Amino acid sequence: MAGIAKGDVTSMDRKWEKLAAKHDNSYNVSNAVIQLAVDKDNKVWQVDMAVPGHSCTIAPFEKDLKSFLQDYRFDGQNLKLKSKGSYVCNMNPDQTFTWDIDLTIPVYEKKNGKDR
């Protein structure tokens, strides 16, 4: 955690690779990603979701963002996000993405200063 807090994610990547080598292929595909696209003022302008084999922009417009960001706080160091809902993906109307998120986590800036 000390390295991660300074923006060095090498130890985290090394641990993931070590664990992945010990497991069958299911270890590498059993995940989901919520990506919050933020501007320089930390305002969310889009939300994407991905699960193995499927991805979708689940909050592409202002009304979708308001619906998704039910409880959102980010002070540059800590993120609080509480959201529950669903979205029919415009790219594939047969795909409905659902979520129930309740988290409070620290956020660390990468050393290159471009990604959080």
N, C-alpha and C. Protein backbone atom coordinates (compact mmCIF):
# COMPACT_ATOMS: atom_id res chain seq x y z
N MET A 1 0.82 -1.20 0.00
CA MET A 1 0.00 0.00 0.00
C MET A 1 0.86 1.26 0.00
N ALA A 2 2.04 1.18 0.63
CA ALA A 2 2.89 2.37 0.68
C ALA A 2 3.29 2.81 -0.73
N GLY A 3 3.65 1.84 -1.59
CA GLY A 3 4.02 2.17 -2.97
C GLY A 3 2.84 2.70 -3.76
N ILE A 4 1.68 2.07 -3.58
CA ILE A 4 0.48 2.48 -4.30
C ILE A 4 0.09 3.90 -3.91
N ALA A 5 0.21 4.22 -2.63
CA ALA A 5 -0.12 5.57 -2.16
C ALA A 5 0.76 6.62 -2.81
N LYS A 6 1.96 6.20 -3.26
CA LYS A 6 2.88 7.13 -3.93
C LYS A 6 2.72 7.08 -5.45
N GLY A 7 1.77 6.25 -5.93
CA GLY A 7 1.51 6.19 -7.36
C GLY A 7 2.21 5.05 -8.08
N ASP A 8 2.89 4.17 -7.34
CA ASP A 8 3.60 3.05 -7.96
C ASP A 8 2.75 1.79 -7.81
N VAL A 9 2.17 1.32 -8.92
CA VAL A 9 1.29 0.15 -8.88
C VAL A 9 2.03 -1.15 -9.24
N THR A 10 3.35 -1.12 -9.29
CA THR A 10 4.14 -2.29 -9.66
C THR A 10 3.86 -3.47 -8.74
N SER A 11 3.81 -3.25 -7.44
CA SER A 11 3.58 -4.35 -6.49
C SER A 11 2.19 -4.95 -6.68
N MET A 12 1.22 -4.12 -6.97
CA MET A 12 -0.14 -4.61 -7.20
C MET A 12 -0.19 -5.46 -8.47
N ASP A 13 0.44 -4.99 -9.54
CA ASP A 13 0.48 -5.76 -10.79
C ASP A 13 1.22 -7.08 -10.59
N ARG A 14 2.32 -7.05 -9.87
CA ARG A 14 3.10 -8.27 -9.62
C ARG A 14 2.26 -9.30 -8.84
N LYS A 15 1.51 -8.85 -7.85
CA LYS A 15 0.67 -9.75 -7.06
C LYS A 15 -0.42 -10.35 -7.93
N TRP A 16 -1.05 -9.54 -8.78
CA TRP A 16 -2.10 -10.05 -9.66
C TRP A 16 -1.54 -11.10 -10.61
N GLU A 17 -0.37 -10.83 -11.21
CA GLU A 17 0.23 -11.78 -12.14
C GLU A 17 0.59 -13.09 -11.45
N LYS A 18 1.07 -13.02 -10.21
CA LYS A 18 1.40 -14.22 -9.44
C LYS A 18 0.14 -15.05 -9.16
N LEU A 19 -0.93 -14.39 -8.77
CA LEU A 19 -2.19 -15.09 -8.51
C LEU A 19 -2.77 -15.67 -9.79
N ALA A 20 -2.69 -14.93 -10.89
CA ALA A 20 -3.25 -15.39 -12.16
C ALA A 20 -2.52 -16.64 -12.64
N ALA A 21 -1.23 -16.73 -12.39
CA ALA A 21 -0.45 -17.89 -12.83
C ALA A 21 -0.86 -19.17 -12.09
N LYS A 22 -1.41 -19.04 -10.89
CA LYS A 22 -1.80 -20.19 -10.07
C LYS A 22 -3.22 -20.69 -10.36
N HIS A 23 -4.01 -19.92 -11.09
CA HIS A 23 -5.41 -20.25 -11.31
C HIS A 23 -5.67 -20.61 -12.77
N ASP A 24 -6.80 -21.29 -13.00
CA ASP A 24 -7.18 -21.57 -14.38
C ASP A 24 -7.66 -20.28 -15.05
N ASN A 25 -8.08 -20.37 -16.27
CA ASN A 25 -8.45 -19.19 -17.06
C ASN A 25 -9.61 -18.41 -16.45
N SER A 26 -10.42 -19.03 -15.60
CA SER A 26 -11.56 -18.31 -15.02
C SER A 26 -11.10 -17.15 -14.14
N TYR A 27 -9.88 -17.22 -13.60
CA TYR A 27 -9.37 -16.12 -12.78
C TYR A 27 -9.25 -14.85 -13.61
N ASN A 28 -8.91 -14.98 -14.88
CA ASN A 28 -8.66 -13.83 -15.72
C ASN A 28 -9.92 -13.23 -16.34
N VAL A 29 -11.06 -13.87 -16.22
CA VAL A 29 -12.26 -13.36 -16.86
C VAL A 29 -13.38 -13.06 -15.87
N SER A 30 -13.16 -13.31 -14.61
CA SER A 30 -14.22 -13.10 -13.63
C SER A 30 -14.07 -11.72 -12.98
N ASN A 31 -14.40 -10.71 -13.77
CA ASN A 31 -14.29 -9.35 -13.25
C ASN A 31 -15.31 -8.45 -13.92
N ALA A 32 -15.47 -7.30 -13.36
CA ALA A 32 -16.31 -6.26 -13.96
C ALA A 32 -15.61 -4.94 -13.72
N VAL A 33 -15.84 -4.00 -14.62
CA VAL A 33 -15.20 -2.70 -14.51
C VAL A 33 -16.24 -1.60 -14.64
N ILE A 34 -16.19 -0.66 -13.74
CA ILE A 34 -16.96 0.57 -13.85
C ILE A 34 -15.93 1.67 -14.06
N GLN A 35 -16.05 2.40 -15.14
CA GLN A 35 -15.09 3.48 -15.44
C GLN A 35 -15.81 4.81 -15.42
N LEU A 36 -15.35 5.68 -14.55
CA LEU A 36 -15.89 7.03 -14.47
C LEU A 36 -14.96 7.95 -15.24
N ALA A 37 -15.45 8.56 -16.30
CA ALA A 37 -14.66 9.54 -17.04
C ALA A 37 -14.89 10.89 -16.36
N VAL A 38 -13.79 11.51 -15.90
CA VAL A 38 -13.90 12.77 -15.18
C VAL A 38 -13.09 13.86 -15.88
N ASP A 39 -13.53 15.09 -15.72
CA ASP A 39 -12.79 16.22 -16.28
C ASP A 39 -11.74 16.70 -15.28
N LYS A 40 -11.06 17.78 -15.59
CA LYS A 40 -9.98 18.28 -14.73
C LYS A 40 -10.50 18.74 -13.36
N ASP A 41 -11.80 19.00 -13.25
CA ASP A 41 -12.40 19.41 -11.99
C ASP A 41 -13.05 18.24 -11.25
N ASN A 42 -12.75 17.02 -11.70
CA ASN A 42 -13.28 15.78 -11.11
C ASN A 42 -14.78 15.62 -11.28
N LYS A 43 -15.35 16.30 -12.26
CA LYS A 43 -16.77 16.14 -12.57
C LYS A 43 -16.93 14.96 -13.54
N VAL A 44 -17.81 14.03 -13.21
CA VAL A 44 -18.05 12.87 -14.06
C VAL A 44 -18.84 13.32 -15.29
N TRP A 45 -18.37 12.93 -16.47
CA TRP A 45 -19.09 13.28 -17.70
C TRP A 45 -19.55 12.06 -18.48
N GLN A 46 -19.14 10.84 -18.04
CA GLN A 46 -19.59 9.60 -18.70
C GLN A 46 -19.24 8.43 -17.79
N VAL A 47 -20.05 7.36 -17.86
CA VAL A 47 -19.78 6.14 -17.10
C VAL A 47 -19.88 4.95 -18.04
N ASP A 48 -18.86 4.09 -17.99
CA ASP A 48 -18.84 2.87 -18.80
C ASP A 48 -18.79 1.66 -17.88
N MET A 49 -19.38 0.56 -18.34
CA MET A 49 -19.34 -0.70 -17.60
C MET A 49 -18.88 -1.79 -18.56
N ALA A 50 -18.05 -2.70 -18.03
CA ALA A 50 -17.60 -3.85 -18.83
C ALA A 50 -17.59 -5.09 -17.95
N VAL A 51 -18.11 -6.16 -18.50
CA VAL A 51 -18.03 -7.49 -17.92
C VAL A 51 -17.44 -8.36 -19.03
N PRO A 52 -16.87 -9.51 -18.70
CA PRO A 52 -16.22 -10.31 -19.75
C PRO A 52 -17.12 -10.51 -20.97
N GLY A 53 -16.63 -10.02 -22.11
CA GLY A 53 -17.34 -10.18 -23.38
C GLY A 53 -18.35 -9.10 -23.71
N HIS A 54 -18.59 -8.16 -22.79
CA HIS A 54 -19.61 -7.14 -23.01
C HIS A 54 -19.18 -5.82 -22.40
N SER A 55 -19.46 -4.74 -23.10
CA SER A 55 -19.20 -3.42 -22.53
C SER A 55 -20.24 -2.44 -23.07
N CYS A 56 -20.44 -1.36 -22.31
CA CYS A 56 -21.45 -0.39 -22.69
C CYS A 56 -21.22 0.91 -21.94
N THR A 57 -21.53 2.01 -22.58
CA THR A 57 -21.58 3.29 -21.90
C THR A 57 -22.95 3.36 -21.24
N ILE A 58 -22.98 3.27 -19.91
CA ILE A 58 -24.25 3.18 -19.20
C ILE A 58 -24.78 4.53 -18.74
N ALA A 59 -23.96 5.56 -18.85
CA ALA A 59 -24.41 6.92 -18.53
C ALA A 59 -23.79 7.88 -19.55
N PRO A 60 -24.35 7.89 -20.76
CA PRO A 60 -23.78 8.74 -21.81
C PRO A 60 -24.29 10.19 -21.80
N PHE A 61 -25.44 10.42 -21.17
CA PHE A 61 -26.06 11.74 -21.20
C PHE A 61 -26.31 12.26 -19.79
N GLU A 62 -26.55 13.56 -19.67
CA GLU A 62 -26.74 14.19 -18.36
C GLU A 62 -27.83 13.51 -17.52
N LYS A 63 -28.95 13.16 -18.14
CA LYS A 63 -30.03 12.50 -17.37
C LYS A 63 -29.58 11.14 -16.86
N ASP A 64 -28.76 10.41 -17.63
CA ASP A 64 -28.24 9.12 -17.20
C ASP A 64 -27.23 9.29 -16.06
N LEU A 65 -26.41 10.34 -16.15
CA LEU A 65 -25.44 10.62 -15.09
C LEU A 65 -26.14 10.92 -13.78
N LYS A 66 -27.18 11.74 -13.84
CA LYS A 66 -27.93 12.07 -12.62
C LYS A 66 -28.52 10.82 -12.00
N SER A 67 -29.01 9.92 -12.83
CA SER A 67 -29.59 8.67 -12.34
C SER A 67 -28.51 7.77 -11.74
N PHE A 68 -27.33 7.72 -12.37
CA PHE A 68 -26.26 6.85 -11.89
C PHE A 68 -25.60 7.38 -10.62
N LEU A 69 -25.33 8.68 -10.58
CA LEU A 69 -24.59 9.28 -9.46
C LEU A 69 -25.53 9.61 -8.30
N GLN A 70 -26.14 8.59 -7.73
CA GLN A 70 -27.10 8.80 -6.65
C GLN A 70 -26.42 9.37 -5.40
N ASP A 71 -25.23 8.86 -5.09
CA ASP A 71 -24.41 9.41 -4.00
C ASP A 71 -22.97 9.32 -4.47
N TYR A 72 -22.42 10.45 -4.90
CA TYR A 72 -21.07 10.51 -5.45
C TYR A 72 -20.31 11.66 -4.81
N ARG A 73 -19.16 11.33 -4.25
CA ARG A 73 -18.28 12.35 -3.70
C ARG A 73 -16.84 11.96 -4.01
N PHE A 74 -16.10 12.88 -4.56
CA PHE A 74 -14.69 12.66 -4.83
C PHE A 74 -13.95 13.95 -4.51
N ASP A 75 -13.02 13.87 -3.56
CA ASP A 75 -12.27 15.04 -3.13
C ASP A 75 -10.84 15.06 -3.66
N GLY A 76 -10.54 14.19 -4.62
CA GLY A 76 -9.19 14.09 -5.15
C GLY A 76 -8.38 13.01 -4.48
N GLN A 77 -8.83 12.53 -3.33
CA GLN A 77 -8.13 11.47 -2.61
C GLN A 77 -9.03 10.29 -2.25
N ASN A 78 -10.29 10.54 -2.02
CA ASN A 78 -11.24 9.49 -1.63
C ASN A 78 -12.48 9.56 -2.51
N LEU A 79 -12.96 8.37 -2.86
CA LEU A 79 -14.16 8.26 -3.69
C LEU A 79 -15.26 7.55 -2.91
N LYS A 80 -16.43 8.15 -2.88
CA LYS A 80 -17.62 7.50 -2.33
C LYS A 80 -18.62 7.42 -3.47
N LEU A 81 -19.10 6.22 -3.72
CA LEU A 81 -20.08 6.01 -4.79
C LEU A 81 -21.12 5.01 -4.33
N LYS A 82 -22.36 5.44 -4.41
CA LYS A 82 -23.48 4.56 -4.13
C LYS A 82 -24.44 4.72 -5.30
N SER A 83 -24.75 3.59 -5.96
CA SER A 83 -25.60 3.63 -7.14
C SER A 83 -26.25 2.27 -7.34
N LYS A 84 -27.50 2.30 -7.70
CA LYS A 84 -28.22 1.06 -8.00
C LYS A 84 -29.12 1.36 -9.19
N GLY A 85 -29.06 0.50 -10.21
CA GLY A 85 -29.89 0.74 -11.37
C GLY A 85 -29.66 -0.24 -12.49
N SER A 86 -30.19 0.12 -13.65
CA SER A 86 -30.01 -0.71 -14.85
C SER A 86 -30.05 0.21 -16.07
N TYR A 87 -29.51 -0.32 -17.17
CA TYR A 87 -29.45 0.46 -18.40
C TYR A 87 -29.50 -0.50 -19.58
N VAL A 88 -30.39 -0.26 -20.53
CA VAL A 88 -30.44 -1.05 -21.76
C VAL A 88 -29.43 -0.45 -22.71
N CYS A 89 -28.45 -1.25 -23.10
CA CYS A 89 -27.35 -0.75 -23.92
C CYS A 89 -27.84 -0.36 -25.31
N ASN A 90 -27.52 0.86 -25.73
CA ASN A 90 -27.92 1.33 -27.06
C ASN A 90 -27.22 0.56 -28.18
N MET A 91 -26.00 0.09 -27.91
CA MET A 91 -25.24 -0.63 -28.93
C MET A 91 -25.84 -2.01 -29.20
N ASN A 92 -26.47 -2.61 -28.19
CA ASN A 92 -27.09 -3.91 -28.33
C ASN A 92 -28.31 -3.95 -27.42
N PRO A 93 -29.50 -3.69 -27.95
CA PRO A 93 -30.71 -3.60 -27.11
C PRO A 93 -31.05 -4.88 -26.35
N ASP A 94 -30.40 -5.99 -26.71
CA ASP A 94 -30.63 -7.24 -25.99
C ASP A 94 -29.82 -7.31 -24.70
N GLN A 95 -28.95 -6.34 -24.47
CA GLN A 95 -28.11 -6.34 -23.28
C GLN A 95 -28.60 -5.29 -22.29
N THR A 96 -28.96 -5.76 -21.11
CA THR A 96 -29.32 -4.86 -20.03
C THR A 96 -28.26 -5.00 -18.94
N PHE A 97 -27.62 -3.90 -18.61
CA PHE A 97 -26.61 -3.88 -17.56
C PHE A 97 -27.28 -3.45 -16.26
N THR A 98 -27.01 -4.17 -15.19
CA THR A 98 -27.55 -3.81 -13.88
C THR A 98 -26.39 -3.71 -12.89
N TRP A 99 -26.56 -2.92 -11.84
CA TRP A 99 -25.51 -2.76 -10.85
C TRP A 99 -26.10 -2.37 -9.51
N ASP A 100 -25.33 -2.65 -8.48
CA ASP A 100 -25.65 -2.25 -7.11
C ASP A 100 -24.29 -1.98 -6.46
N ILE A 101 -23.90 -0.72 -6.42
CA ILE A 101 -22.57 -0.32 -5.96
C ILE A 101 -22.71 0.49 -4.68
N ASP A 102 -21.90 0.16 -3.69
CA ASP A 102 -21.83 0.92 -2.45
C ASP A 102 -20.38 0.83 -1.97
N LEU A 103 -19.59 1.85 -2.27
CA LEU A 103 -18.17 1.78 -1.90
C LEU A 103 -17.62 3.12 -1.48
N THR A 104 -16.62 3.05 -0.65
CA THR A 104 -15.82 4.19 -0.26
C THR A 104 -14.37 3.71 -0.30
N ILE A 105 -13.57 4.30 -1.19
CA ILE A 105 -12.20 3.83 -1.38
C ILE A 105 -11.24 5.01 -1.56
N PRO A 106 -9.96 4.78 -1.18
CA PRO A 106 -8.96 5.79 -1.49
C PRO A 106 -8.60 5.71 -2.97
N VAL A 107 -8.21 6.83 -3.56
CA VAL A 107 -7.80 6.90 -4.96
C VAL A 107 -6.38 7.43 -4.99
N TYR A 108 -5.54 6.75 -5.78
CA TYR A 108 -4.13 7.12 -5.87
C TYR A 108 -3.80 7.52 -7.29
N GLU A 109 -3.08 8.60 -7.43
CA GLU A 109 -2.67 9.07 -8.74
C GLU A 109 -1.41 8.32 -9.18
N LYS A 110 -1.38 7.87 -10.45
CA LYS A 110 -0.20 7.21 -10.97
C LYS A 110 0.95 8.21 -11.06
N LYS A 111 2.17 7.70 -11.03
CA LYS A 111 3.36 8.55 -11.06
C LYS A 111 3.39 9.48 -12.26
N ASN A 112 2.92 8.99 -13.43
CA ASN A 112 2.98 9.85 -14.61
C ASN A 112 2.00 11.01 -14.54
N GLY A 113 1.10 10.98 -13.55
CA GLY A 113 0.19 12.09 -13.32
C GLY A 113 -0.96 12.19 -14.28
N LYS A 114 -1.09 11.21 -15.19
CA LYS A 114 -2.16 11.28 -16.19
C LYS A 114 -3.39 10.48 -15.80
N ASP A 115 -3.21 9.38 -15.09
CA ASP A 115 -4.32 8.49 -14.76
C ASP A 115 -4.53 8.43 -13.26
N ARG A 116 -5.79 8.18 -12.87
CA ARG A 116 -6.13 7.95 -11.47
C ARG A 116 -6.73 6.59 -11.37
